[in-house]
Amino acid sequence: MSFTFKIITQEKLDDILPLVIKLNNGSVDYEVLKQRFSEMFTQNYECTGVYDKDTLIGVCGLWYCTRHYSGKSVEVDHVYIDDSYRGQGLGKAYFKWIYNYVKAKGYESIELNTYVSNFDSHKFYYNEGFKILGYHFFKKL
């Protein structure tokens, strides 16, 4: 199979949302996600996609910032690859593309959060060379 990795523009927002809904097991309403993503596209955010021909099968968000402890940094967000494409090395190829893409933009580090119950992702990220730096805390206001 031949896969394509590329940036997804805000005009393709309706293509992104079904995959993000699957990632979150439908816990966030479609219209709420649409509003949030519309805002995200105005806030140092890019969305990347994995395509099998013309079909979007994976997404990943990139948040750009400068942090005191890591310099110019990219936070990888909402990584999702459709279940039927997993276990084929696609995640490794996707992250290689992401590393090259953000490095070419001048960024020097990548960080991410993953749900504590997502054990498969933990193994993947360890194998990619990520280290646990701290804990991510969350409080709904």
Protein backbone atom coordinates (compact mmCIF):
# COMPACT_ATOMS: atom_id res chain seq x y z
CA MET A 1 0.00 0.00 0.00
CA SER A 2 1.07 3.53 -0.68
CA PHE A 3 0.20 6.16 1.89
CA THR A 4 0.41 9.94 1.68
CA PHE A 5 1.09 12.27 4.61
CA LYS A 6 0.10 15.92 4.38
CA ILE A 7 -1.26 18.99 6.12
CA ILE A 8 -5.05 19.20 6.31
CA THR A 9 -6.48 22.71 6.00
CA GLN A 10 -9.44 24.05 7.93
CA GLU A 11 -11.58 23.73 4.80
CA LYS A 12 -11.36 19.93 5.25
CA LEU A 13 -12.54 20.08 8.88
CA ASP A 14 -15.50 17.78 8.18
CA ASP A 15 -13.04 15.06 7.08
CA ILE A 16 -11.08 15.25 10.35
CA LEU A 17 -13.93 15.08 12.84
CA PRO A 18 -15.17 11.50 12.28
CA LEU A 19 -11.71 10.15 13.15
CA VAL A 20 -11.43 12.36 16.26
CA ILE A 21 -14.88 11.17 17.35
CA LYS A 22 -13.64 7.56 17.10
CA LEU A 23 -10.54 8.47 19.10
CA ASN A 24 -12.71 9.87 21.90
CA ASN A 25 -15.29 7.07 21.66
CA GLY A 26 -17.96 9.63 20.81
CA SER A 27 -17.61 11.38 24.18
CA VAL A 28 -17.62 14.86 22.59
CA ASP A 29 -20.52 15.99 20.40
CA TYR A 30 -19.81 16.58 16.70
CA GLU A 31 -20.91 20.23 16.78
CA VAL A 32 -18.81 20.93 19.87
CA LEU A 33 -15.78 19.37 18.18
CA LYS A 34 -16.42 21.39 15.03
CA GLN A 35 -16.49 24.64 17.02
CA ARG A 36 -13.37 23.72 19.00
CA PHE A 37 -11.39 22.73 15.90
CA SER A 38 -12.44 25.96 14.17
CA GLU A 39 -10.87 27.85 17.07
CA MET A 40 -7.82 25.59 17.18
CA PHE A 41 -6.95 26.43 13.58
CA THR A 42 -6.46 30.06 14.70
CA GLN A 43 -4.11 29.16 17.60
CA ASN A 44 -0.69 27.91 16.38
CA TYR A 45 -2.27 24.59 15.36
CA GLU A 46 -1.93 22.42 12.28
CA CYS A 47 -3.62 19.14 11.49
CA THR A 48 -1.82 16.41 9.59
CA GLY A 49 -3.37 13.46 7.83
CA VAL A 50 -2.59 10.02 6.51
CA TYR A 51 -4.32 9.12 3.26
CA ASP A 52 -4.83 5.80 1.55
CA LYS A 53 -5.35 7.17 -1.96
CA ASP A 54 -8.12 9.76 -1.36
CA THR A 55 -9.38 8.31 1.93
CA LEU A 56 -8.31 9.95 5.19
CA ILE A 57 -7.33 7.11 7.53
CA GLY A 58 -5.35 8.93 10.20
CA VAL A 59 -4.99 12.34 11.84
CA CYS A 60 -2.66 14.08 14.22
CA GLY A 61 -2.63 17.65 15.49
CA LEU A 62 0.50 19.75 15.96
CA TRP A 63 0.64 22.62 18.45
CA TYR A 64 3.61 24.99 18.07
CA CYS A 65 5.18 26.94 20.93
CA THR A 66 8.43 27.82 22.69
CA ARG A 67 8.91 26.37 26.17
CA HIS A 68 11.52 27.33 28.75
CA TYR A 69 12.67 23.71 29.21
CA SER A 70 12.64 22.49 25.61
CA GLY A 71 12.98 25.47 23.27
CA LYS A 72 10.96 25.52 20.06
CA SER A 73 8.58 22.65 20.68
CA VAL A 74 5.75 20.83 18.97
CA GLU A 75 3.06 19.07 20.95
CA VAL A 76 1.55 16.12 19.12
CA ASP A 77 -2.18 15.87 19.80
CA HIS A 78 -5.11 13.55 19.03
CA VAL A 79 -3.13 10.90 17.15
CA TYR A 80 -5.49 8.42 15.53
CA ILE A 81 -5.09 5.78 12.82
CA ASP A 82 -8.12 3.78 11.73
CA ASP A 83 -8.24 0.34 13.37
CA SER A 84 -8.03 -1.56 10.08
CA TYR A 85 -4.65 0.07 9.26
CA ARG A 86 -2.92 -0.57 12.58
CA GLY A 87 -0.07 -3.02 13.06
CA GLN A 88 1.44 -2.39 9.62
CA GLY A 89 4.18 0.07 10.55
CA LEU A 90 2.08 3.04 9.47
CA GLY A 91 2.44 4.82 12.83
CA LYS A 92 6.22 4.64 12.60
CA ALA A 93 6.15 6.02 9.03
CA TYR A 94 3.70 8.76 10.09
CA PHE A 95 5.91 9.89 12.97
CA LYS A 96 9.00 9.84 10.76
CA TRP A 97 7.17 12.21 8.42
CA ILE A 98 6.14 14.41 11.38
CA TYR A 99 9.72 14.52 12.72
CA ASN A 100 11.07 15.60 9.33
CA TYR A 101 8.26 18.10 8.77
CA VAL A 102 8.63 19.93 12.10
CA LYS A 103 12.42 19.79 12.06
CA ALA A 104 12.37 21.50 8.65
CA LYS A 105 10.22 24.23 10.26
CA GLY A 106 12.98 24.81 12.85
CA TYR A 107 11.52 22.96 15.85
CA GLU A 108 13.85 21.11 18.18
CA SER A 109 11.64 18.96 20.40
CA ILE A 110 8.38 17.05 20.41
CA GLU A 111 6.16 16.21 23.33
CA LEU A 112 2.78 14.60 23.75
CA ASN A 113 0.16 13.35 26.15
CA THR A 114 -1.47 9.95 26.00
CA TYR A 115 -4.35 8.55 28.01
CA VAL A 116 -3.13 6.44 30.94
CA SER A 117 -5.32 3.54 29.79
CA ASN A 118 -3.93 3.53 26.23
CA PHE A 119 -1.21 0.94 26.83
CA ASP A 120 -0.59 0.25 23.13
CA SER A 121 0.32 3.90 22.58
CA HIS A 122 2.71 3.87 25.56
CA LYS A 123 4.69 1.02 24.01
CA PHE A 124 4.73 2.79 20.65
CA TYR A 125 5.98 6.08 22.11
CA TYR A 126 8.66 4.34 24.19
CA ASN A 127 9.84 2.60 21.03
CA GLU A 128 9.97 5.99 19.29
CA GLY A 129 12.34 7.28 21.99
CA PHE A 130 9.89 9.35 24.05
CA LYS A 131 10.53 9.56 27.80
CA ILE A 132 8.08 10.37 30.58
CA LEU A 133 8.90 13.87 31.78
CA GLY A 134 5.98 14.52 34.10
CA TYR A 135 2.27 14.12 34.66
CA HIS A 136 -0.50 15.88 32.76
CA PHE A 137 -3.19 17.15 35.14
CA PHE A 138 -6.66 18.22 34.04
CA LYS A 139 -9.46 20.08 35.77
CA LYS A 140 -12.77 20.97 34.15
CA LEU A 141 -13.92 24.49 35.08
